[in-house]
């Protein structure tokens, strides 16, 4: 995907569906960024909160891994993603991805 397509998907997510878990999943899937092998990014067992604290310096792919991690966390802990939405983590991750994409770092 090119920069324009990536920005379209991410901006649409933030403008139209920032509070819907399925929209985050759909955006990652559309962009081909669902990270299956998260051991490249995180130590096991994963400390989600500690990993989220690294967001400020995360590259584009690591941001995708963080967002995937939050979606997977919801699988193991019911409503975990909803709580993360209230905390603003998915939105912060996508905003970081938008910034990186605008800089051509994707």
PDB file of N, CA and C in Angstrom:
ATOM      1  N   UNK A   1       0.835  -1.188   0.000  1.00  0.00           N
ATOM      2  CA  UNK A   1       0.000   0.000   0.000  1.00  0.00           C
ATOM      3  C   UNK A   1       0.872   1.240   0.000  1.00  0.00           C
ATOM      4  N   UNK A   2       0.363   2.269  -0.594  1.00  0.00           N
ATOM      5  CA  UNK A   2       1.121   3.516  -0.623  1.00  0.00           C
ATOM      6  C   UNK A   2       0.686   4.434   0.528  1.00  0.00           C
ATOM      7  N   UNK A   3       1.401   5.512   0.681  1.00  0.00           N
ATOM      8  CA  UNK A   3       1.162   6.451   1.783  1.00  0.00           C
ATOM      9  C   UNK A   3      -0.274   6.967   1.792  1.00  0.00           C
ATOM     10  N   UNK A   4      -0.780   7.308   0.629  1.00  0.00           N
ATOM     11  CA  UNK A   4      -2.136   7.856   0.529  1.00  0.00           C
ATOM     12  C   UNK A   4      -3.170   6.839   1.029  1.00  0.00           C
ATOM     13  N   UNK A   5      -3.028   5.582   0.643  1.00  0.00           N
ATOM     14  CA  UNK A   5      -3.965   4.535   1.071  1.00  0.00           C
ATOM     15  C   UNK A   5      -3.878   4.290   2.572  1.00  0.00           C
ATOM     16  N   UNK A   6      -2.654   4.244   3.091  1.00  0.00           N
ATOM     17  CA  UNK A   6      -2.457   4.019   4.526  1.00  0.00           C
ATOM     18  C   UNK A   6      -3.109   5.151   5.324  1.00  0.00           C
ATOM     19  N   UNK A   7      -2.849   6.368   4.910  1.00  0.00           N
ATOM     20  CA  UNK A   7      -3.425   7.517   5.618  1.00  0.00           C
ATOM     21  C   UNK A   7      -4.945   7.538   5.510  1.00  0.00           C
ATOM     22  N   UNK A   8      -5.473   7.145   4.360  1.00  0.00           N
ATOM     23  CA  UNK A   8      -6.929   7.097   4.204  1.00  0.00           C
ATOM     24  C   UNK A   8      -7.549   6.130   5.211  1.00  0.00           C
ATOM     25  N   UNK A   9      -6.995   4.925   5.305  1.00  0.00           N
ATOM     26  CA  UNK A   9      -7.539   3.911   6.216  1.00  0.00           C
ATOM     27  C   UNK A   9      -7.424   4.370   7.666  1.00  0.00           C
ATOM     28  N   UNK A  10      -6.266   4.872   8.056  1.00  0.00           N
ATOM     29  CA  UNK A  10      -6.057   5.277   9.446  1.00  0.00           C
ATOM     30  C   UNK A  10      -6.869   6.510   9.816  1.00  0.00           C
ATOM     31  N   UNK A  11      -6.912   7.493   8.935  1.00  0.00           N
ATOM     32  CA  UNK A  11      -7.723   8.686   9.215  1.00  0.00           C
ATOM     33  C   UNK A  11      -9.202   8.349   9.279  1.00  0.00           C
ATOM     34  N   UNK A  12      -9.646   7.462   8.400  1.00  0.00           N
ATOM     35  CA  UNK A  12     -11.047   7.043   8.423  1.00  0.00           C
ATOM     36  C   UNK A  12     -11.373   6.361   9.749  1.00  0.00           C
ATOM     37  N   UNK A  13     -10.469   5.538  10.219  1.00  0.00           N
ATOM     38  CA  UNK A  13     -10.662   4.870  11.505  1.00  0.00           C
ATOM     39  C   UNK A  13     -10.842   5.897  12.616  1.00  0.00           C
ATOM     40  N   UNK A  14      -9.975   6.890  12.656  1.00  0.00           N
ATOM     41  CA  UNK A  14     -10.026   7.878  13.730  1.00  0.00           C
ATOM     42  C   UNK A  14     -11.233   8.812  13.618  1.00  0.00           C
ATOM     43  N   UNK A  15     -11.617   9.145  12.402  1.00  0.00           N
ATOM     44  CA  UNK A  15     -12.727  10.081  12.209  1.00  0.00           C
ATOM     45  C   UNK A  15     -14.094   9.415  12.329  1.00  0.00           C
ATOM     46  N   UNK A  16     -14.201   8.185  11.861  1.00  0.00           N
ATOM     47  CA  UNK A  16     -15.520   7.553  11.780  1.00  0.00           C
ATOM     48  C   UNK A  16     -15.789   6.508  12.869  1.00  0.00           C
ATOM     49  N   UNK A  17     -14.758   5.800  13.310  1.00  0.00           N
ATOM     50  CA  UNK A  17     -14.991   4.652  14.203  1.00  0.00           C
ATOM     51  C   UNK A  17     -13.959   4.532  15.326  1.00  0.00           C
ATOM     52  N   UNK A  18     -13.605   5.624  16.002  1.00  0.00           N
ATOM     53  CA  UNK A  18     -12.515   5.529  16.983  1.00  0.00           C
ATOM     54  C   UNK A  18     -12.842   4.700  18.227  1.00  0.00           C
ATOM     55  N   UNK A  19     -14.089   4.322  18.427  1.00  0.00           N
ATOM     56  CA  UNK A  19     -14.471   3.578  19.632  1.00  0.00           C
ATOM     57  C   UNK A  19     -14.986   2.172  19.319  1.00  0.00           C
ATOM     58  N   UNK A  20     -14.700   1.656  18.117  1.00  0.00           N
ATOM     59  CA  UNK A  20     -15.193   0.325  17.732  1.00  0.00           C
ATOM     60  C   UNK A  20     -14.042  -0.650  17.534  1.00  0.00           C
ATOM     61  N   UNK A  21     -14.033  -1.679  18.359  1.00  0.00           N
ATOM     62  CA  UNK A  21     -12.973  -2.695  18.290  1.00  0.00           C
ATOM     63  C   UNK A  21     -12.891  -3.310  16.900  1.00  0.00           C
ATOM     64  N   UNK A  22     -14.012  -3.643  16.307  1.00  0.00           N
ATOM     65  CA  UNK A  22     -13.995  -4.292  14.999  1.00  0.00           C
ATOM     66  C   UNK A  22     -13.416  -3.380  13.914  1.00  0.00           C
ATOM     67  N   UNK A  23     -13.525  -2.082  14.091  1.00  0.00           N
ATOM     68  CA  UNK A  23     -12.951  -1.149  13.121  1.00  0.00           C
ATOM     69  C   UNK A  23     -11.422  -1.182  13.175  1.00  0.00           C
ATOM     70  N   UNK A  24     -10.856  -1.322  14.364  1.00  0.00           N
ATOM     71  CA  UNK A  24      -9.401  -1.423  14.489  1.00  0.00           C
ATOM     72  C   UNK A  24      -8.912  -2.719  13.841  1.00  0.00           C
ATOM     73  N   UNK A  25      -9.619  -3.790  14.107  1.00  0.00           N
ATOM     74  CA  UNK A  25      -9.260  -5.073  13.499  1.00  0.00           C
ATOM     75  C   UNK A  25      -9.340  -4.965  11.977  1.00  0.00           C
ATOM     76  N   UNK A  26     -10.422  -4.390  11.488  1.00  0.00           N
ATOM     77  CA  UNK A  26     -10.603  -4.247  10.044  1.00  0.00           C
ATOM     78  C   UNK A  26      -9.530  -3.384   9.397  1.00  0.00           C
ATOM     79  N   UNK A  27      -9.149  -2.313  10.069  1.00  0.00           N
ATOM     80  CA  UNK A  27      -8.108  -1.432   9.528  1.00  0.00           C
ATOM     81  C   UNK A  27      -6.766  -2.165   9.442  1.00  0.00           C
ATOM     82  N   UNK A  28      -6.410  -2.880  10.505  1.00  0.00           N
ATOM     83  CA  UNK A  28      -5.155  -3.640  10.467  1.00  0.00           C
ATOM     84  C   UNK A  28      -5.192  -4.708   9.384  1.00  0.00           C
ATOM     85  N   UNK A  29      -6.321  -5.363   9.254  1.00  0.00           N
ATOM     86  CA  UNK A  29      -6.452  -6.397   8.228  1.00  0.00           C
ATOM     87  C   UNK A  29      -6.339  -5.794   6.833  1.00  0.00           C
ATOM     88  N   UNK A  30      -7.018  -4.690   6.603  1.00  0.00           N
ATOM     89  CA  UNK A  30      -6.970  -4.013   5.309  1.00  0.00           C
ATOM     90  C   UNK A  30      -5.542  -3.609   4.952  1.00  0.00           C
ATOM     91  N   UNK A  31      -4.797  -3.141   5.949  1.00  0.00           N
ATOM     92  CA  UNK A  31      -3.425  -2.697   5.725  1.00  0.00           C
ATOM     93  C   UNK A  31      -2.417  -3.842   5.726  1.00  0.00           C
ATOM     94  N   UNK A  32      -2.888  -5.067   6.030  1.00  0.00           N
ATOM     95  CA  UNK A  32      -1.986  -6.211   6.097  1.00  0.00           C
ATOM     96  C   UNK A  32      -1.036  -6.116   7.283  1.00  0.00           C
ATOM     97  N   UNK A  33      -1.514  -5.549   8.380  1.00  0.00           N
ATOM     98  CA  UNK A  33      -0.651  -5.291   9.531  1.00  0.00           C
ATOM     99  C   UNK A  33      -1.044  -6.047  10.801  1.00  0.00           C
ATOM    100  N   UNK A  34      -1.860  -7.071  10.682  1.00  0.00           N
ATOM    101  CA  UNK A  34      -2.117  -7.901  11.857  1.00  0.00           C
ATOM    102  C   UNK A  34      -0.851  -8.703  12.119  1.00  0.00           C
ATOM    103  N   UNK A  35      -0.248  -8.515  13.258  1.00  0.00           N
ATOM    104  CA  UNK A  35       1.032  -9.139  13.583  1.00  0.00           C
ATOM    105  C   UNK A  35       0.779 -10.463  14.297  1.00  0.00           C
ATOM    106  N   UNK A  36       1.105 -11.548  13.639  1.00  0.00           N
ATOM    107  CA  UNK A  36       0.902 -12.881  14.211  1.00  0.00           C
ATOM    108  C   UNK A  36       2.080 -13.274  15.102  1.00  0.00           C
ATOM    109  N   UNK A  37       3.300 -13.039  14.630  1.00  0.00           N
ATOM    110  CA  UNK A  37       4.502 -13.419  15.378  1.00  0.00           C
ATOM    111  C   UNK A  37       4.963 -12.243  16.234  1.00  0.00           C
ATOM    112  N   UNK A  38       4.320 -12.066  17.375  1.00  0.00           N
ATOM    113  CA  UNK A  38       4.648 -10.916  18.208  1.00  0.00           C
ATOM    114  C   UNK A  38       5.913 -11.107  19.038  1.00  0.00           C
ATOM    115  N   UNK A  39       6.512 -12.292  18.985  1.00  0.00           N
ATOM    116  CA  UNK A  39       7.760 -12.524  19.732  1.00  0.00           C
ATOM    117  C   UNK A  39       8.910 -11.702  19.160  1.00  0.00           C
ATOM    118  N   UNK A  40       8.754 -11.211  17.948  1.00  0.00           N
ATOM    119  CA  UNK A  40       9.767 -10.314  17.377  1.00  0.00           C
ATOM    120  C   UNK A  40       9.752  -8.959  18.070  1.00  0.00           C
ATOM    121  N   UNK A  41       8.635  -8.632  18.705  1.00  0.00           N
ATOM    122  CA  UNK A  41       8.445  -7.308  19.294  1.00  0.00           C
ATOM    123  C   UNK A  41       8.427  -7.301  20.818  1.00  0.00           C
ATOM    124  N   UNK A  42       7.932  -8.400  21.410  1.00  0.00           N
ATOM    125  CA  UNK A  42       7.679  -8.424  22.851  1.00  0.00           C
ATOM    126  C   UNK A  42       8.293  -9.643  23.511  1.00  0.00           C
ATOM    127  N   UNK A  43       8.712  -9.458  24.771  1.00  0.00           N
ATOM    128  CA  UNK A  43       9.156 -10.584  25.583  1.00  0.00           C
ATOM    129  C   UNK A  43       7.931 -11.340  26.076  1.00  0.00           C
ATOM    130  N   UNK A  44       8.051 -12.653  26.191  1.00  0.00           N
ATOM    131  CA  UNK A  44       6.956 -13.484  26.668  1.00  0.00           C
ATOM    132  C   UNK A  44       7.264 -13.880  28.102  1.00  0.00           C
ATOM    133  N   UNK A  45       6.332 -13.798  29.027  1.00  0.00           N
ATOM    134  CA  UNK A  45       4.960 -13.333  28.840  1.00  0.00           C
ATOM    135  C   UNK A  45       4.925 -11.815  28.627  1.00  0.00           C
ATOM    136  N   UNK A  46       3.953 -11.388  27.868  1.00  0.00           N
ATOM    137  CA  UNK A  46       3.840  -9.979  27.507  1.00  0.00           C
ATOM    138  C   UNK A  46       3.267  -9.181  28.673  1.00  0.00           C
ATOM    139  N   UNK A  47       3.946  -8.097  28.991  1.00  0.00           N
ATOM    140  CA  UNK A  47       3.443  -7.117  29.953  1.00  0.00           C
ATOM    141  C   UNK A  47       2.897  -5.964  29.114  1.00  0.00           C
ATOM    142  N   UNK A  48       1.602  -6.022  28.834  1.00  0.00           N
ATOM    143  CA  UNK A  48       0.991  -5.072  27.907  1.00  0.00           C
ATOM    144  C   UNK A  48       1.224  -3.627  28.327  1.00  0.00           C
ATOM    145  N   UNK A  49       1.074  -3.330  29.593  1.00  0.00           N
ATOM    146  CA  UNK A  49       1.235  -1.947  30.036  1.00  0.00           C
ATOM    147  C   UNK A  49       2.666  -1.464  29.817  1.00  0.00           C
ATOM    148  N   UNK A  50       3.637  -2.296  30.112  1.00  0.00           N
ATOM    149  CA  UNK A  50       5.042  -1.924  29.900  1.00  0.00           C
ATOM    150  C   UNK A  50       5.327  -1.704  28.414  1.00  0.00           C
ATOM    151  N   UNK A  51       4.755  -2.539  27.567  1.00  0.00           N
ATOM    152  CA  UNK A  51       4.962  -2.388  26.120  1.00  0.00           C
ATOM    153  C   UNK A  51       4.318  -1.104  25.610  1.00  0.00           C
ATOM    154  N   UNK A  52       3.153  -0.765  26.119  1.00  0.00           N
ATOM    155  CA  UNK A  52       2.474   0.458  25.689  1.00  0.00           C
ATOM    156  C   UNK A  52       3.273   1.703  26.057  1.00  0.00           C
ATOM    157  N   UNK A  53       4.015   1.639  27.124  1.00  0.00           N
ATOM    158  CA  UNK A  53       4.821   2.785  27.553  1.00  0.00           C
ATOM    159  C   UNK A  53       5.936   3.105  26.547  1.00  0.00           C
ATOM    160  N   UNK A  54       6.225   2.195  25.639  1.00  0.00           N
ATOM    161  CA  UNK A  54       7.260   2.386  24.622  1.00  0.00           C
ATOM    162  C   UNK A  54       6.720   3.048  23.354  1.00  0.00           C
ATOM    163  N   UNK A  55       5.444   3.403  23.350  1.00  0.00           N
ATOM    164  CA  UNK A  55       4.785   3.917  22.144  1.00  0.00           C
ATOM    165  C   UNK A  55       5.473   5.134  21.553  1.00  0.00           C
ATOM    166  N   UNK A  56       5.915   6.039  22.365  1.00  0.00           N
ATOM    167  CA  UNK A  56       6.485   7.298  21.881  1.00  0.00           C
ATOM    168  C   UNK A  56       7.644   7.093  20.904  1.00  0.00           C
ATOM    169  N   UNK A  57       8.393   6.006  21.075  1.00  0.00           N
ATOM    170  CA  UNK A  57       9.550   5.739  20.213  1.00  0.00           C
ATOM    171  C   UNK A  57       9.296   4.594  19.230  1.00  0.00           C
ATOM    172  N   UNK A  58       8.082   4.084  19.191  1.00  0.00           N
ATOM    173  CA  UNK A  58       7.760   2.927  18.354  1.00  0.00           C
ATOM    174  C   UNK A  58       7.762   3.284  16.871  1.00  0.00           C
ATOM    175  N   UNK A  59       8.270   2.350  16.051  1.00  0.00           N
ATOM    176  CA  UNK A  59       8.190   2.521  14.607  1.00  0.00           C
ATOM    177  C   UNK A  59       6.812   2.032  14.136  1.00  0.00           C
ATOM    178  N   UNK A  60       6.571   2.141  12.848  1.00  0.00           N
ATOM    179  CA  UNK A  60       5.244   1.835  12.293  1.00  0.00           C
ATOM    180  C   UNK A  60       4.840   0.387  12.552  1.00  0.00           C
ATOM    181  N   UNK A  61       5.753  -0.533  12.299  1.00  0.00           N
ATOM    182  CA  UNK A  61       5.441  -1.950  12.475  1.00  0.00           C
ATOM    183  C   UNK A  61       5.227  -2.290  13.961  1.00  0.00           C
ATOM    184  N   UNK A  62       5.995  -1.679  14.828  1.00  0.00           N
ATOM    185  CA  UNK A  62       5.813  -1.906  16.259  1.00  0.00           C
ATOM    186  C   UNK A  62       4.459  -1.365  16.711  1.00  0.00           C
ATOM    187  N   UNK A  63       4.043  -0.252  16.148  1.00  0.00           N
ATOM    188  CA  UNK A  63       2.704   0.273  16.454  1.00  0.00           C
ATOM    189  C   UNK A  63       1.630  -0.738  16.051  1.00  0.00           C
ATOM    190  N   UNK A  64       1.788  -1.340  14.888  1.00  0.00           N
ATOM    191  CA  UNK A  64       0.841  -2.366  14.445  1.00  0.00           C
ATOM    192  C   UNK A  64       0.851  -3.547  15.411  1.00  0.00           C
ATOM    193  N   UNK A  65       2.031  -3.920  15.884  1.00  0.00           N
ATOM    194  CA  UNK A  65       2.140  -5.015  16.850  1.00  0.00           C
ATOM    195  C   UNK A  65       1.456  -4.648  18.164  1.00  0.00           C
ATOM    196  N   UNK A  66       1.615  -3.410  18.599  1.00  0.00           N
ATOM    197  CA  UNK A  66       0.953  -2.962  19.835  1.00  0.00           C
ATOM    198  C   UNK A  66      -0.561  -3.009  19.698  1.00  0.00           C
ATOM    199  N   UNK A  67      -1.064  -2.550  18.567  1.00  0.00           N
ATOM    200  CA  UNK A  67      -2.504  -2.566  18.348  1.00  0.00           C
ATOM    201  C   UNK A  67      -3.022  -4.001  18.261  1.00  0.00           C
ATOM    202  N   UNK A  68      -2.288  -4.862  17.587  1.00  0.00           N
ATOM    203  CA  UNK A  68      -2.656  -6.279  17.529  1.00  0.00           C
ATOM    204  C   UNK A  68      -2.644  -6.882  18.932  1.00  0.00           C
ATOM    205  N   UNK A  69      -1.645  -6.503  19.724  1.00  0.00           N
ATOM    206  CA  UNK A  69      -1.545  -6.996  21.102  1.00  0.00           C
ATOM    207  C   UNK A  69      -2.802  -6.644  21.892  1.00  0.00           C
ATOM    208  N   UNK A  70      -3.293  -5.424  21.728  1.00  0.00           N
ATOM    209  CA  UNK A  70      -4.507  -5.015  22.443  1.00  0.00           C
ATOM    210  C   UNK A  70      -5.725  -5.807  21.981  1.00  0.00           C
ATOM    211  N   UNK A  71      -5.801  -6.086  20.699  1.00  0.00           N
ATOM    212  CA  UNK A  71      -6.916  -6.891  20.188  1.00  0.00           C
ATOM    213  C   UNK A  71      -6.828  -8.316  20.721  1.00  0.00           C
ATOM    214  N   UNK A  72      -5.641  -8.863  20.800  1.00  0.00           N
ATOM    215  CA  UNK A  72      -5.454 -10.221  21.333  1.00  0.00           C
ATOM    216  C   UNK A  72      -5.724 -10.251  22.835  1.00  0.00           C
ATOM    217  N   UNK A  73      -5.346  -9.195  23.524  1.00  0.00           N
ATOM    218  CA  UNK A  73      -5.600  -9.097  24.962  1.00  0.00           C
ATOM    219  C   UNK A  73      -7.099  -9.229  25.243  1.00  0.00           C
ATOM    220  N   UNK A  74      -7.905  -8.645  24.369  1.00  0.00           N
ATOM    221  CA  UNK A  74      -9.358  -8.707  24.536  1.00  0.00           C
ATOM    222  C   UNK A  74      -9.873 -10.139  24.400  1.00  0.00           C
ATOM    223  N   UNK A  75      -9.177 -10.945  23.622  1.00  0.00           N
ATOM    224  CA  UNK A  75      -9.559 -12.356  23.474  1.00  0.00           C
ATOM    225  C   UNK A  75      -9.409 -13.091  24.803  1.00  0.00           C
ATOM    226  N   UNK A  76      -8.349 -12.770  25.541  1.00  0.00           N
ATOM    227  CA  UNK A  76      -8.067 -13.452  26.803  1.00  0.00           C
ATOM    228  C   UNK A  76      -8.786 -12.822  27.989  1.00  0.00           C
ATOM    229  N   UNK A  77      -9.014 -11.533  27.931  1.00  0.00           N
ATOM    230  CA  UNK A  77      -9.654 -10.813  29.034  1.00  0.00           C
ATOM    231  C   UNK A  77     -10.829 -10.024  28.464  1.00  0.00           C
ATOM    232  N   UNK A  78     -12.025 -10.559  28.675  1.00  0.00           N
ATOM    233  CA  UNK A  78     -13.236  -9.965  28.107  1.00  0.00           C
ATOM    234  C   UNK A  78     -13.334  -8.479  28.442  1.00  0.00           C
ATOM    235  N   UNK A  79     -13.624  -7.693  27.425  1.00  0.00           N
ATOM    236  CA  UNK A  79     -13.799  -6.241  27.508  1.00  0.00           C
ATOM    237  C   UNK A  79     -12.501  -5.474  27.770  1.00  0.00           C
ATOM    238  N   UNK A  80     -11.367  -6.128  27.656  1.00  0.00           N
ATOM    239  CA  UNK A  80     -10.087  -5.439  27.870  1.00  0.00           C
ATOM    240  C   UNK A  80      -9.892  -4.327  26.834  1.00  0.00           C
ATOM    241  N   UNK A  81     -10.297  -4.585  25.585  1.00  0.00           N
ATOM    242  CA  UNK A  81     -10.119  -3.567  24.549  1.00  0.00           C
ATOM    243  C   UNK A  81     -10.989  -2.352  24.843  1.00  0.00           C
ATOM    244  N   UNK A  82     -12.193  -2.582  25.327  1.00  0.00           N
ATOM    245  CA  UNK A  82     -13.075  -1.457  25.683  1.00  0.00           C
ATOM    246  C   UNK A  82     -12.431  -0.587  26.762  1.00  0.00           C
ATOM    247  N   UNK A  83     -11.793  -1.231  27.727  1.00  0.00           N
ATOM    248  CA  UNK A  83     -11.103  -0.471  28.773  1.00  0.00           C
ATOM    249  C   UNK A  83      -9.922   0.291  28.199  1.00  0.00           C
ATOM    250  N   UNK A  84      -9.205  -0.328  27.281  1.00  0.00           N
ATOM    251  CA  UNK A  84      -8.076   0.356  26.631  1.00  0.00           C
ATOM    252  C   UNK A  84      -8.564   1.549  25.802  1.00  0.00           C
ATOM    253  N   UNK A  85      -9.757   1.415  25.197  1.00  0.00           N
ATOM    254  CA  UNK A  85     -10.339   2.544  24.457  1.00  0.00           C
ATOM    255  C   UNK A  85     -10.595   3.720  25.386  1.00  0.00           C
ATOM    256  N   UNK A  86     -11.158   3.438  26.546  1.00  0.00           N
ATOM    257  CA  UNK A  86     -11.432   4.488  27.530  1.00  0.00           C
ATOM    258  C   UNK A  86     -10.122   5.153  27.962  1.00  0.00           C
ATOM    259  N   UNK A  87      -9.070   4.355  28.101  1.00  0.00           N
ATOM    260  CA  UNK A  87      -7.754   4.885  28.473  1.00  0.00           C
ATOM    261  C   UNK A  87      -7.102   5.645  27.315  1.00  0.00           C
ATOM    262  N   UNK A  88      -7.583   5.403  26.095  1.00  0.00           N
ATOM    263  CA  UNK A  88      -7.077   6.111  24.922  1.00  0.00           C
ATOM    264  C   UNK A  88      -5.917   5.451  24.204  1.00  0.00           C
ATOM    265  N   UNK A  89      -5.547   4.228  24.594  1.00  0.00           N
ATOM    266  CA  UNK A  89      -4.379   3.587  23.983  1.00  0.00           C
ATOM    267  C   UNK A  89      -4.538   3.280  22.497  1.00  0.00           C
ATOM    268  N   UNK A  90      -5.625   2.667  22.046  1.00  0.00           N
ATOM    269  CA  UNK A  90      -5.724   2.392  20.601  1.00  0.00           C
ATOM    270  C   UNK A  90      -5.654   3.679  19.768  1.00  0.00           C
ATOM    271  N   UNK A  91      -6.311   4.730  20.252  1.00  0.00           N
ATOM    272  CA  UNK A  91      -6.301   5.995  19.535  1.00  0.00           C
ATOM    273  C   UNK A  91      -4.887   6.583  19.490  1.00  0.00           C
ATOM    274  N   UNK A  92      -4.153   6.506  20.598  1.00  0.00           N
ATOM    275  CA  UNK A  92      -2.773   7.010  20.629  1.00  0.00           C
ATOM    276  C   UNK A  92      -1.894   6.251  19.642  1.00  0.00           C
ATOM    277  N   UNK A  93      -2.093   4.947  19.578  1.00  0.00           N
ATOM    278  CA  UNK A  93      -1.297   4.129  18.657  1.00  0.00           C
ATOM    279  C   UNK A  93      -1.566   4.533  17.217  1.00  0.00           C
ATOM    280  N   UNK A  94      -2.837   4.675  16.863  1.00  0.00           N
ATOM    281  CA  UNK A  94      -3.187   5.039  15.489  1.00  0.00           C
ATOM    282  C   UNK A  94      -2.680   6.444  15.165  1.00  0.00           C
ATOM    283  N   UNK A  95      -2.771   7.351  16.103  1.00  0.00           N
ATOM    284  CA  UNK A  95      -2.247   8.703  15.864  1.00  0.00           C
ATOM    285  C   UNK A  95      -0.740   8.658  15.612  1.00  0.00           C
ATOM    286  N   UNK A  96      -0.032   7.822  16.342  1.00  0.00           N
ATOM    287  CA  UNK A  96       1.418   7.657  16.108  1.00  0.00           C
ATOM    288  C   UNK A  96       1.655   7.086  14.711  1.00  0.00           C
ATOM    289  N   UNK A  97       0.826   6.119  14.312  1.00  0.00           N
ATOM    290  CA  UNK A  97       0.956   5.528  12.980  1.00  0.00           C
ATOM    291  C   UNK A  97       0.701   6.571  11.896  1.00  0.00           C
ATOM    292  N   UNK A  98      -0.270   7.442  12.106  1.00  0.00           N
ATOM    293  CA  UNK A  98      -0.567   8.504  11.142  1.00  0.00           C
ATOM    294  C   UNK A  98       0.628   9.443  11.020  1.00  0.00           C
ATOM    295  N   UNK A  99       1.202   9.826  12.154  1.00  0.00           N
ATOM    296  CA  UNK A  99       2.376  10.702  12.147  1.00  0.00           C
ATOM    297  C   UNK A  99       3.521  10.061  11.369  1.00  0.00           C
ATOM    298  N   UNK A 100       3.780   8.797  11.641  1.00  0.00           N
ATOM    299  CA  UNK A 100       4.862   8.090  10.951  1.00  0.00           C
ATOM    300  C   UNK A 100       4.582   7.966   9.452  1.00  0.00           C
ATOM    301  N   UNK A 101       3.335   7.681   9.098  1.00  0.00           N
ATOM    302  CA  UNK A 101       2.982   7.546   7.682  1.00  0.00           C
ATOM    303  C   UNK A 101       3.158   8.876   6.954  1.00  0.00           C
ATOM    304  N   UNK A 102       2.778   9.974   7.597  1.00  0.00           N
ATOM    305  CA  UNK A 102       2.954  11.298   6.985  1.00  0.00           C
ATOM    306  C   UNK A 102       4.428  11.595   6.751  1.00  0.00           C
ATOM    307  N   UNK A 103       5.290  11.062   7.602  1.00  0.00           N
ATOM    308  CA  UNK A 103       6.729  11.250   7.459  1.00  0.00           C
ATOM    309  C   UNK A 103       7.351  10.253   6.487  1.00  0.00           C
ATOM    310  N   UNK A 104       6.512   9.361   5.943  1.00  0.00           N
ATOM    311  CA  UNK A 104       7.013   8.343   5.012  1.00  0.00           C
ATOM    312  C   UNK A 104       7.707   7.188   5.694  1.00  0.00           C
ATOM    313  N   UNK A 105       7.473   7.017   6.980  1.00  0.00           N
ATOM    314  CA  UNK A 105       8.133   5.959   7.755  1.00  0.00           C
ATOM    315  C   UNK A 105       7.160   4.815   8.029  1.00  0.00           C
ATOM    316  N   UNK A 106       6.817   4.098   6.978  1.00  0.00           N
ATOM    317  CA  UNK A 106       5.894   2.973   7.120  1.00  0.00           C
ATOM    318  C   UNK A 106       6.446   1.745   6.442  1.00  0.00           C
TER     319      UNK A 106
END
